[in-house]
PDB file of N, CA and C in Angstrom:
ATOM      1  N   UNK A   1      67.874 -18.674  16.674  1.00  0.00           N
ATOM      2  CA  UNK A   1      66.593 -18.121  16.115  1.00  0.00           C
ATOM      3  C   UNK A   1      66.348 -16.737  16.724  1.00  0.00           C
ATOM      4  N   UNK A   2      65.866 -15.822  15.939  1.00  0.00           N
ATOM      5  CA  UNK A   2      65.631 -14.484  16.427  1.00  0.00           C
ATOM      6  C   UNK A   2      64.539 -14.426  17.480  1.00  0.00           C
ATOM      7  N   UNK A   3      64.709 -13.560  18.450  1.00  0.00           N
ATOM      8  CA  UNK A   3      63.687 -13.441  19.504  1.00  0.00           C
ATOM      9  C   UNK A   3      62.347 -13.028  18.922  1.00  0.00           C
ATOM     10  N   UNK A   4      62.359 -12.113  17.937  1.00  0.00           N
ATOM     11  CA  UNK A   4      61.052 -11.697  17.389  1.00  0.00           C
ATOM     12  C   UNK A   4      60.354 -12.861  16.670  1.00  0.00           C
ATOM     13  N   UNK A   5      61.143 -13.786  16.120  1.00  0.00           N
ATOM     14  CA  UNK A   5      60.497 -14.943  15.455  1.00  0.00           C
ATOM     15  C   UNK A   5      59.924 -15.867  16.528  1.00  0.00           C
ATOM     16  N   UNK A   6      60.616 -16.018  17.623  1.00  0.00           N
ATOM     17  CA  UNK A   6      60.109 -16.930  18.671  1.00  0.00           C
ATOM     18  C   UNK A   6      58.815 -16.404  19.254  1.00  0.00           C
ATOM     19  N   UNK A   7      58.790 -15.075  19.440  1.00  0.00           N
ATOM     20  CA  UNK A   7      57.620 -14.447  20.062  1.00  0.00           C
ATOM     21  C   UNK A   7      56.485 -14.063  19.120  1.00  0.00           C
ATOM     22  N   UNK A   8      56.779 -14.118  17.797  1.00  0.00           N
ATOM     23  CA  UNK A   8      55.744 -13.766  16.852  1.00  0.00           C
ATOM     24  C   UNK A   8      54.559 -14.669  16.944  1.00  0.00           C
ATOM     25  N   UNK A   9      53.393 -14.157  16.886  1.00  0.00           N
ATOM     26  CA  UNK A   9      52.168 -14.922  16.980  1.00  0.00           C
ATOM     27  C   UNK A   9      51.672 -15.101  18.420  1.00  0.00           C
ATOM     28  N   UNK A  10      52.593 -14.855  19.369  1.00  0.00           N
ATOM     29  CA  UNK A  10      52.184 -14.949  20.808  1.00  0.00           C
ATOM     30  C   UNK A  10      51.821 -13.568  21.318  1.00  0.00           C
ATOM     31  N   UNK A  11      52.549 -12.549  20.892  1.00  0.00           N
ATOM     32  CA  UNK A  11      52.370 -11.188  21.320  1.00  0.00           C
ATOM     33  C   UNK A  11      52.111 -10.253  20.154  1.00  0.00           C
ATOM     34  N   UNK A  12      51.411  -9.168  20.399  1.00  0.00           N
ATOM     35  CA  UNK A  12      51.172  -8.159  19.369  1.00  0.00           C
ATOM     36  C   UNK A  12      52.474  -7.314  19.219  1.00  0.00           C
ATOM     37  N   UNK A  13      52.515  -6.522  18.160  1.00  0.00           N
ATOM     38  CA  UNK A  13      53.665  -5.649  17.929  1.00  0.00           C
ATOM     39  C   UNK A  13      53.928  -4.729  19.090  1.00  0.00           C
ATOM     40  N   UNK A  14      52.849  -4.173  19.652  1.00  0.00           N
ATOM     41  CA  UNK A  14      52.949  -3.258  20.782  1.00  0.00           C
ATOM     42  C   UNK A  14      53.529  -3.961  21.986  1.00  0.00           C
ATOM     43  N   UNK A  15      53.051  -5.202  22.239  1.00  0.00           N
ATOM     44  CA  UNK A  15      53.599  -5.953  23.372  1.00  0.00           C
ATOM     45  C   UNK A  15      55.067  -6.314  23.179  1.00  0.00           C
ATOM     46  N   UNK A  16      55.475  -6.642  21.918  1.00  0.00           N
ATOM     47  CA  UNK A  16      56.866  -6.944  21.643  1.00  0.00           C
ATOM     48  C   UNK A  16      57.733  -5.703  21.872  1.00  0.00           C
ATOM     49  N   UNK A  17      57.293  -4.548  21.414  1.00  0.00           N
ATOM     50  CA  UNK A  17      58.028  -3.309  21.624  1.00  0.00           C
ATOM     51  C   UNK A  17      58.182  -3.036  23.113  1.00  0.00           C
ATOM     52  N   UNK A  18      57.164  -3.204  23.909  1.00  0.00           N
ATOM     53  CA  UNK A  18      57.249  -2.988  25.343  1.00  0.00           C
ATOM     54  C   UNK A  18      58.201  -3.978  25.992  1.00  0.00           C
ATOM     55  N   UNK A  19      58.174  -5.238  25.560  1.00  0.00           N
ATOM     56  CA  UNK A  19      59.113  -6.223  26.188  1.00  0.00           C
ATOM     57  C   UNK A  19      60.513  -5.997  25.765  1.00  0.00           C
ATOM     58  N   UNK A  20      60.794  -5.519  24.573  1.00  0.00           N
ATOM     59  CA  UNK A  20      62.165  -5.349  24.078  1.00  0.00           C
ATOM     60  C   UNK A  20      62.717  -3.991  24.359  1.00  0.00           C
ATOM     61  N   UNK A  21      61.972  -3.178  25.101  1.00  0.00           N
ATOM     62  CA  UNK A  21      62.491  -1.874  25.465  1.00  0.00           C
ATOM     63  C   UNK A  21      62.380  -0.888  24.288  1.00  0.00           C
ATOM     64  N   UNK A  22      63.418  -0.103  24.177  1.00  0.00           N
ATOM     65  CA  UNK A  22      63.394   1.005  23.160  1.00  0.00           C
ATOM     66  C   UNK A  22      63.843   0.525  21.758  1.00  0.00           C
ATOM     67  N   UNK A  23      64.097  -0.720  21.605  1.00  0.00           N
ATOM     68  CA  UNK A  23      64.496  -1.205  20.283  1.00  0.00           C
ATOM     69  C   UNK A  23      63.394  -0.979  19.243  1.00  0.00           C
ATOM     70  N   UNK A  24      63.808  -0.450  18.148  1.00  0.00           N
ATOM     71  CA  UNK A  24      62.800  -0.294  17.050  1.00  0.00           C
ATOM     72  C   UNK A  24      62.550  -1.610  16.365  1.00  0.00           C
ATOM     73  N   UNK A  25      61.301  -1.936  16.119  1.00  0.00           N
ATOM     74  CA  UNK A  25      60.954  -3.145  15.425  1.00  0.00           C
ATOM     75  C   UNK A  25      60.314  -2.781  14.121  1.00  0.00           C
ATOM     76  N   UNK A  26      60.625  -3.518  13.106  1.00  0.00           N
ATOM     77  CA  UNK A  26      60.060  -3.277  11.750  1.00  0.00           C
ATOM     78  C   UNK A  26      59.047  -4.394  11.477  1.00  0.00           C
ATOM     79  N   UNK A  27      57.810  -4.005  11.306  1.00  0.00           N
ATOM     80  CA  UNK A  27      56.724  -4.993  11.158  1.00  0.00           C
ATOM     81  C   UNK A  27      56.236  -5.092   9.737  1.00  0.00           C
ATOM     82  N   UNK A  28      55.929  -6.319   9.354  1.00  0.00           N
ATOM     83  CA  UNK A  28      55.330  -6.557   8.016  1.00  0.00           C
ATOM     84  C   UNK A  28      53.882  -6.127   8.023  1.00  0.00           C
ATOM     85  N   UNK A  29      53.529  -5.318   7.050  1.00  0.00           N
ATOM     86  CA  UNK A  29      52.135  -4.833   6.996  1.00  0.00           C
ATOM     87  C   UNK A  29      51.187  -5.907   6.489  1.00  0.00           C
ATOM     88  N   UNK A  30      51.698  -7.005   5.930  1.00  0.00           N
ATOM     89  CA  UNK A  30      50.833  -8.054   5.449  1.00  0.00           C
ATOM     90  C   UNK A  30      50.485  -9.093   6.533  1.00  0.00           C
ATOM     91  N   UNK A  31      51.520  -9.540   7.234  1.00  0.00           N
ATOM     92  CA  UNK A  31      51.259 -10.605   8.219  1.00  0.00           C
ATOM     93  C   UNK A  31      51.530 -10.217   9.670  1.00  0.00           C
ATOM     94  N   UNK A  32      52.188  -9.099   9.849  1.00  0.00           N
ATOM     95  CA  UNK A  32      52.449  -8.597  11.235  1.00  0.00           C
ATOM     96  C   UNK A  32      53.740  -9.079  11.883  1.00  0.00           C
ATOM     97  N   UNK A  33      54.518  -9.897  11.213  1.00  0.00           N
ATOM     98  CA  UNK A  33      55.740 -10.344  11.802  1.00  0.00           C
ATOM     99  C   UNK A  33      56.662  -9.145  12.025  1.00  0.00           C
ATOM    100  N   UNK A  34      57.406  -9.135  13.108  1.00  0.00           N
ATOM    101  CA  UNK A  34      58.277  -8.021  13.482  1.00  0.00           C
ATOM    102  C   UNK A  34      59.726  -8.464  13.496  1.00  0.00           C
ATOM    103  N   UNK A  35      60.599  -7.554  13.056  1.00  0.00           N
ATOM    104  CA  UNK A  35      62.019  -7.833  12.983  1.00  0.00           C
ATOM    105  C   UNK A  35      62.791  -6.657  13.566  1.00  0.00           C
ATOM    106  N   UNK A  36      63.961  -6.934  14.132  1.00  0.00           N
ATOM    107  CA  UNK A  36      64.812  -5.895  14.674  1.00  0.00           C
ATOM    108  C   UNK A  36      65.517  -5.084  13.580  1.00  0.00           C
ATOM    109  N   UNK A  37      65.749  -5.724  12.465  1.00  0.00           N
ATOM    110  CA  UNK A  37      66.486  -5.037  11.352  1.00  0.00           C
ATOM    111  C   UNK A  37      65.612  -4.857  10.189  1.00  0.00           C
ATOM    112  N   UNK A  38      65.750  -3.711   9.549  1.00  0.00           N
ATOM    113  CA  UNK A  38      64.956  -3.409   8.347  1.00  0.00           C
ATOM    114  C   UNK A  38      65.289  -4.422   7.199  1.00  0.00           C
ATOM    115  N   UNK A  39      66.569  -4.815   7.135  1.00  0.00           N
ATOM    116  CA  UNK A  39      66.939  -5.768   6.097  1.00  0.00           C
ATOM    117  C   UNK A  39      66.272  -7.132   6.265  1.00  0.00           C
ATOM    118  N   UNK A  40      66.037  -7.536   7.549  1.00  0.00           N
ATOM    119  CA  UNK A  40      65.335  -8.788   7.814  1.00  0.00           C
ATOM    120  C   UNK A  40      63.883  -8.656   7.351  1.00  0.00           C
ATOM    121  N   UNK A  41      63.242  -7.551   7.591  1.00  0.00           N
ATOM    122  CA  UNK A  41      61.889  -7.316   7.097  1.00  0.00           C
ATOM    123  C   UNK A  41      61.865  -7.339   5.572  1.00  0.00           C
ATOM    124  N   UNK A  42      62.839  -6.740   4.943  1.00  0.00           N
ATOM    125  CA  UNK A  42      62.916  -6.722   3.473  1.00  0.00           C
ATOM    126  C   UNK A  42      63.048  -8.150   2.935  1.00  0.00           C
ATOM    127  N   UNK A  43      63.952  -8.934   3.550  1.00  0.00           N
ATOM    128  CA  UNK A  43      64.101 -10.329   3.103  1.00  0.00           C
ATOM    129  C   UNK A  43      62.806 -11.136   3.325  1.00  0.00           C
ATOM    130  N   UNK A  44      62.149 -10.913   4.446  1.00  0.00           N
ATOM    131  CA  UNK A  44      60.869 -11.558   4.710  1.00  0.00           C
ATOM    132  C   UNK A  44      59.882 -11.248   3.613  1.00  0.00           C
ATOM    133  N   UNK A  45      59.717  -9.983   3.277  1.00  0.00           N
ATOM    134  CA  UNK A  45      58.758  -9.534   2.319  1.00  0.00           C
ATOM    135  C   UNK A  45      59.104 -10.056   0.894  1.00  0.00           C
ATOM    136  N   UNK A  46      60.386 -10.132   0.593  1.00  0.00           N
ATOM    137  CA  UNK A  46      60.824 -10.592  -0.731  1.00  0.00           C
ATOM    138  C   UNK A  46      60.719 -12.092  -0.933  1.00  0.00           C
ATOM    139  N   UNK A  47      61.104 -12.842   0.102  1.00  0.00           N
ATOM    140  CA  UNK A  47      61.216 -14.285  -0.085  1.00  0.00           C
ATOM    141  C   UNK A  47      60.199 -15.127   0.652  1.00  0.00           C
ATOM    142  N   UNK A  48      59.515 -14.598   1.636  1.00  0.00           N
ATOM    143  CA  UNK A  48      58.669 -15.471   2.468  1.00  0.00           C
ATOM    144  C   UNK A  48      57.189 -15.094   2.466  1.00  0.00           C
ATOM    145  N   UNK A  49      56.880 -13.848   2.761  1.00  0.00           N
ATOM    146  CA  UNK A  49      55.515 -13.474   3.061  1.00  0.00           C
ATOM    147  C   UNK A  49      54.593 -13.691   1.861  1.00  0.00           C
ATOM    148  N   UNK A  50      53.616 -14.497   2.071  1.00  0.00           N
ATOM    149  CA  UNK A  50      52.606 -14.810   0.996  1.00  0.00           C
ATOM    150  C   UNK A  50      53.055 -15.744  -0.047  1.00  0.00           C
ATOM    151  N   UNK A  51      54.255 -16.302   0.067  1.00  0.00           N
ATOM    152  CA  UNK A  51      54.812 -17.202  -0.940  1.00  0.00           C
ATOM    153  C   UNK A  51      54.636 -18.647  -0.498  1.00  0.00           C
ATOM    154  N   UNK A  52      54.401 -19.526  -1.453  1.00  0.00           N
ATOM    155  CA  UNK A  52      54.325 -20.964  -1.174  1.00  0.00           C
ATOM    156  C   UNK A  52      55.720 -21.555  -1.086  1.00  0.00           C
ATOM    157  N   UNK A  53      55.942 -22.526  -0.245  1.00  0.00           N
ATOM    158  CA  UNK A  53      57.230 -23.170  -0.215  1.00  0.00           C
ATOM    159  C   UNK A  53      57.569 -23.827  -1.544  1.00  0.00           C
ATOM    160  N   UNK A  54      58.765 -23.567  -2.074  1.00  0.00           N
ATOM    161  CA  UNK A  54      59.145 -24.184  -3.356  1.00  0.00           C
ATOM    162  C   UNK A  54      60.199 -25.263  -3.206  1.00  0.00           C
ATOM    163  N   UNK A  55      60.790 -25.424  -2.035  1.00  0.00           N
ATOM    164  CA  UNK A  55      61.798 -26.460  -1.830  1.00  0.00           C
ATOM    165  C   UNK A  55      61.209 -27.535  -0.953  1.00  0.00           C
ATOM    166  N   UNK A  56      61.000 -28.702  -1.587  1.00  0.00           N
ATOM    167  CA  UNK A  56      60.344 -29.858  -0.887  1.00  0.00           C
ATOM    168  C   UNK A  56      61.338 -30.955  -0.707  1.00  0.00           C
ATOM    169  N   UNK A  57      61.379 -31.495   0.484  1.00  0.00           N
ATOM    170  CA  UNK A  57      62.324 -32.543   0.838  1.00  0.00           C
ATOM    171  C   UNK A  57      61.825 -33.843   0.257  1.00  0.00           C
ATOM    172  N   UNK A  58      62.727 -34.634  -0.356  1.00  0.00           N
ATOM    173  CA  UNK A  58      62.354 -35.946  -0.939  1.00  0.00           C
ATOM    174  C   UNK A  58      62.268 -37.030   0.171  1.00  0.00           C
ATOM    175  N   UNK A  59      62.767 -36.725   1.368  1.00  0.00           N
ATOM    176  CA  UNK A  59      62.922 -37.741   2.395  1.00  0.00           C
ATOM    177  C   UNK A  59      61.966 -37.585   3.535  1.00  0.00           C
ATOM    178  N   UNK A  60      61.283 -36.441   3.602  1.00  0.00           N
ATOM    179  CA  UNK A  60      60.299 -36.225   4.683  1.00  0.00           C
ATOM    180  C   UNK A  60      59.300 -35.145   4.245  1.00  0.00           C
ATOM    181  N   UNK A  61      58.324 -34.754   5.022  1.00  0.00           N
ATOM    182  CA  UNK A  61      57.304 -33.767   4.603  1.00  0.00           C
ATOM    183  C   UNK A  61      57.793 -32.333   4.637  1.00  0.00           C
ATOM    184  N   UNK A  62      59.011 -32.085   4.971  1.00  0.00           N
ATOM    185  CA  UNK A  62      59.524 -30.703   5.070  1.00  0.00           C
ATOM    186  C   UNK A  62      59.366 -29.947   3.780  1.00  0.00           C
ATOM    187  N   UNK A  63      58.879 -28.657   3.915  1.00  0.00           N
ATOM    188  CA  UNK A  63      58.819 -27.741   2.760  1.00  0.00           C
ATOM    189  C   UNK A  63      59.425 -26.416   3.228  1.00  0.00           C
ATOM    190  N   UNK A  64      60.226 -25.793   2.414  1.00  0.00           N
ATOM    191  CA  UNK A  64      60.855 -24.531   2.789  1.00  0.00           C
ATOM    192  C   UNK A  64      60.726 -23.495   1.662  1.00  0.00           C
ATOM    193  N   UNK A  65      60.791 -22.240   2.112  1.00  0.00           N
ATOM    194  CA  UNK A  65      60.665 -21.086   1.164  1.00  0.00           C
ATOM    195  C   UNK A  65      62.017 -20.621   0.697  1.00  0.00           C
ATOM    196  N   UNK A  66      63.069 -20.929   1.390  1.00  0.00           N
ATOM    197  CA  UNK A  66      64.388 -20.471   1.004  1.00  0.00           C
ATOM    198  C   UNK A  66      65.335 -21.645   0.809  1.00  0.00           C
ATOM    199  N   UNK A  67      66.177 -21.620  -0.249  1.00  0.00           N
ATOM    200  CA  UNK A  67      67.070 -22.762  -0.535  1.00  0.00           C
ATOM    201  C   UNK A  67      68.006 -23.042   0.590  1.00  0.00           C
ATOM    202  N   UNK A  68      68.554 -21.985   1.192  1.00  0.00           N
ATOM    203  CA  UNK A  68      69.508 -22.161   2.289  1.00  0.00           C
ATOM    204  C   UNK A  68      68.890 -22.880   3.438  1.00  0.00           C
ATOM    205  N   UNK A  69      67.606 -22.640   3.783  1.00  0.00           N
ATOM    206  CA  UNK A  69      66.939 -23.335   4.848  1.00  0.00           C
ATOM    207  C   UNK A  69      66.731 -24.800   4.470  1.00  0.00           C
ATOM    208  N   UNK A  70      66.435 -25.045   3.241  1.00  0.00           N
ATOM    209  CA  UNK A  70      66.264 -26.428   2.748  1.00  0.00           C
ATOM    210  C   UNK A  70      67.584 -27.213   2.850  1.00  0.00           C
ATOM    211  N   UNK A  71      68.682 -26.553   2.414  1.00  0.00           N
ATOM    212  CA  UNK A  71      69.994 -27.238   2.500  1.00  0.00           C
ATOM    213  C   UNK A  71      70.351 -27.496   3.970  1.00  0.00           C
ATOM    214  N   UNK A  72      70.103 -26.514   4.844  1.00  0.00           N
ATOM    215  CA  UNK A  72      70.435 -26.715   6.274  1.00  0.00           C
ATOM    216  C   UNK A  72      69.557 -27.860   6.877  1.00  0.00           C
ATOM    217  N   UNK A  73      68.315 -27.946   6.429  1.00  0.00           N
ATOM    218  CA  UNK A  73      67.427 -29.036   6.878  1.00  0.00           C
ATOM    219  C   UNK A  73      68.054 -30.368   6.502  1.00  0.00           C
ATOM    220  N   UNK A  74      68.422 -30.519   5.206  1.00  0.00           N
ATOM    221  CA  UNK A  74      68.969 -31.786   4.755  1.00  0.00           C
ATOM    222  C   UNK A  74      70.222 -32.135   5.488  1.00  0.00           C
ATOM    223  N   UNK A  75      71.114 -31.167   5.688  1.00  0.00           N
ATOM    224  CA  UNK A  75      72.393 -31.430   6.358  1.00  0.00           C
ATOM    225  C   UNK A  75      72.164 -31.820   7.848  1.00  0.00           C
ATOM    226  N   UNK A  76      71.118 -31.290   8.463  1.00  0.00           N
ATOM    227  CA  UNK A  76      70.855 -31.620   9.840  1.00  0.00           C
ATOM    228  C   UNK A  76      70.061 -32.908  10.049  1.00  0.00           C
ATOM    229  N   UNK A  77      69.084 -33.156   9.162  1.00  0.00           N
ATOM    230  CA  UNK A  77      68.147 -34.257   9.369  1.00  0.00           C
ATOM    231  C   UNK A  77      68.427 -35.471   8.485  1.00  0.00           C
ATOM    232  N   UNK A  78      69.061 -35.269   7.371  1.00  0.00           N
ATOM    233  CA  UNK A  78      69.292 -36.397   6.399  1.00  0.00           C
ATOM    234  C   UNK A  78      70.759 -36.431   6.004  1.00  0.00           C
ATOM    235  N   UNK A  79      71.620 -36.556   6.950  1.00  0.00           N
ATOM    236  CA  UNK A  79      73.061 -36.467   6.681  1.00  0.00           C
ATOM    237  C   UNK A  79      73.557 -37.466   5.603  1.00  0.00           C
ATOM    238  N   UNK A  80      72.869 -38.616   5.568  1.00  0.00           N
ATOM    239  CA  UNK A  80      73.257 -39.614   4.585  1.00  0.00           C
ATOM    240  C   UNK A  80      72.941 -39.220   3.150  1.00  0.00           C
ATOM    241  N   UNK A  81      72.084 -38.226   2.964  1.00  0.00           N
ATOM    242  CA  UNK A  81      71.715 -37.790   1.625  1.00  0.00           C
ATOM    243  C   UNK A  81      72.260 -36.419   1.243  1.00  0.00           C
ATOM    244  N   UNK A  82      73.046 -35.826   2.113  1.00  0.00           N
ATOM    245  CA  UNK A  82      73.466 -34.429   1.877  1.00  0.00           C
ATOM    246  C   UNK A  82      74.294 -34.261   0.593  1.00  0.00           C
ATOM    247  N   UNK A  83      75.082 -35.245   0.246  1.00  0.00           N
ATOM    248  CA  UNK A  83      75.942 -35.153  -0.983  1.00  0.00           C
ATOM    249  C   UNK A  83      74.992 -35.132  -2.201  1.00  0.00           C
ATOM    250  N   UNK A  84      73.990 -35.975  -2.185  1.00  0.00           N
ATOM    251  CA  UNK A  84      73.045 -36.023  -3.336  1.00  0.00           C
ATOM    252  C   UNK A  84      72.336 -34.687  -3.519  1.00  0.00           C
ATOM    253  N   UNK A  85      71.869 -34.142  -2.399  1.00  0.00           N
ATOM    254  CA  UNK A  85      71.128 -32.900  -2.450  1.00  0.00           C
ATOM    255  C   UNK A  85      72.006 -31.739  -2.862  1.00  0.00           C
ATOM    256  N   UNK A  86      73.224 -31.659  -2.301  1.00  0.00           N
ATOM    257  CA  UNK A  86      74.128 -30.556  -2.660  1.00  0.00           C
ATOM    258  C   UNK A  86      74.497 -30.644  -4.112  1.00  0.00           C
ATOM    259  N   UNK A  87      74.871 -31.863  -4.609  1.00  0.00           N
ATOM    260  CA  UNK A  87      75.229 -32.053  -6.006  1.00  0.00           C
ATOM    261  C   UNK A  87      74.106 -31.663  -6.910  1.00  0.00           C
ATOM    262  N   UNK A  88      72.891 -32.066  -6.596  1.00  0.00           N
ATOM    263  CA  UNK A  88      71.709 -31.740  -7.361  1.00  0.00           C
ATOM    264  C   UNK A  88      71.447 -30.234  -7.383  1.00  0.00           C
ATOM    265  N   UNK A  89      71.565 -29.592  -6.214  1.00  0.00           N
ATOM    266  CA  UNK A  89      71.343 -28.145  -6.098  1.00  0.00           C
ATOM    267  C   UNK A  89      72.302 -27.402  -6.951  1.00  0.00           C
ATOM    268  N   UNK A  90      73.612 -27.721  -6.825  1.00  0.00           N
ATOM    269  CA  UNK A  90      74.625 -26.951  -7.577  1.00  0.00           C
ATOM    270  C   UNK A  90      74.631 -27.274  -9.052  1.00  0.00           C
ATOM    271  N   UNK A  91      74.273 -28.499  -9.426  1.00  0.00           N
ATOM    272  CA  UNK A  91      74.263 -28.780 -10.840  1.00  0.00           C
ATOM    273  C   UNK A  91      73.080 -28.058 -11.555  1.00  0.00           C
ATOM    274  N   UNK A  92      71.964 -27.826 -10.882  1.00  0.00           N
ATOM    275  CA  UNK A  92      70.872 -27.060 -11.437  1.00  0.00           C
ATOM    276  C   UNK A  92      71.269 -25.566 -11.596  1.00  0.00           C
ATOM    277  N   UNK A  93      72.081 -25.046 -10.659  1.00  0.00           N
ATOM    278  CA  UNK A  93      72.495 -23.646 -10.781  1.00  0.00           C
ATOM    279  C   UNK A  93      73.445 -23.455 -11.943  1.00  0.00           C
ATOM    280  N   UNK A  94      74.242 -24.448 -12.240  1.00  0.00           N
ATOM    281  CA  UNK A  94      75.255 -24.307 -13.276  1.00  0.00           C
ATOM    282  C   UNK A  94      74.655 -24.279 -14.675  1.00  0.00           C
ATOM    283  N   UNK A  95      73.469 -24.809 -14.812  1.00  0.00           N
ATOM    284  CA  UNK A  95      72.850 -24.886 -16.158  1.00  0.00           C
ATOM    285  C   UNK A  95      72.277 -23.553 -16.575  1.00  0.00           C
TER     286      UNK A  95
END
């Protein structure tokens, strides 16, 4: 997990910059999350910030905003169901 994600919500952007030295951080103007890479900020703004989770686990209360995170969740927490979820995910994409 990225350091900026671990520390987000605990420290302000200025505090994060001071702690991480001269590294440039890219902050979201909507929620304040900070990232080391501009591409990470872009992905956050495109797929996560202000969006409702659209991937809901059938086996527990987990909800995710990105399909890859949902797949990783199922593979880690519900190994006995991963074939069902993967087949369902890929069959939907093929249509």
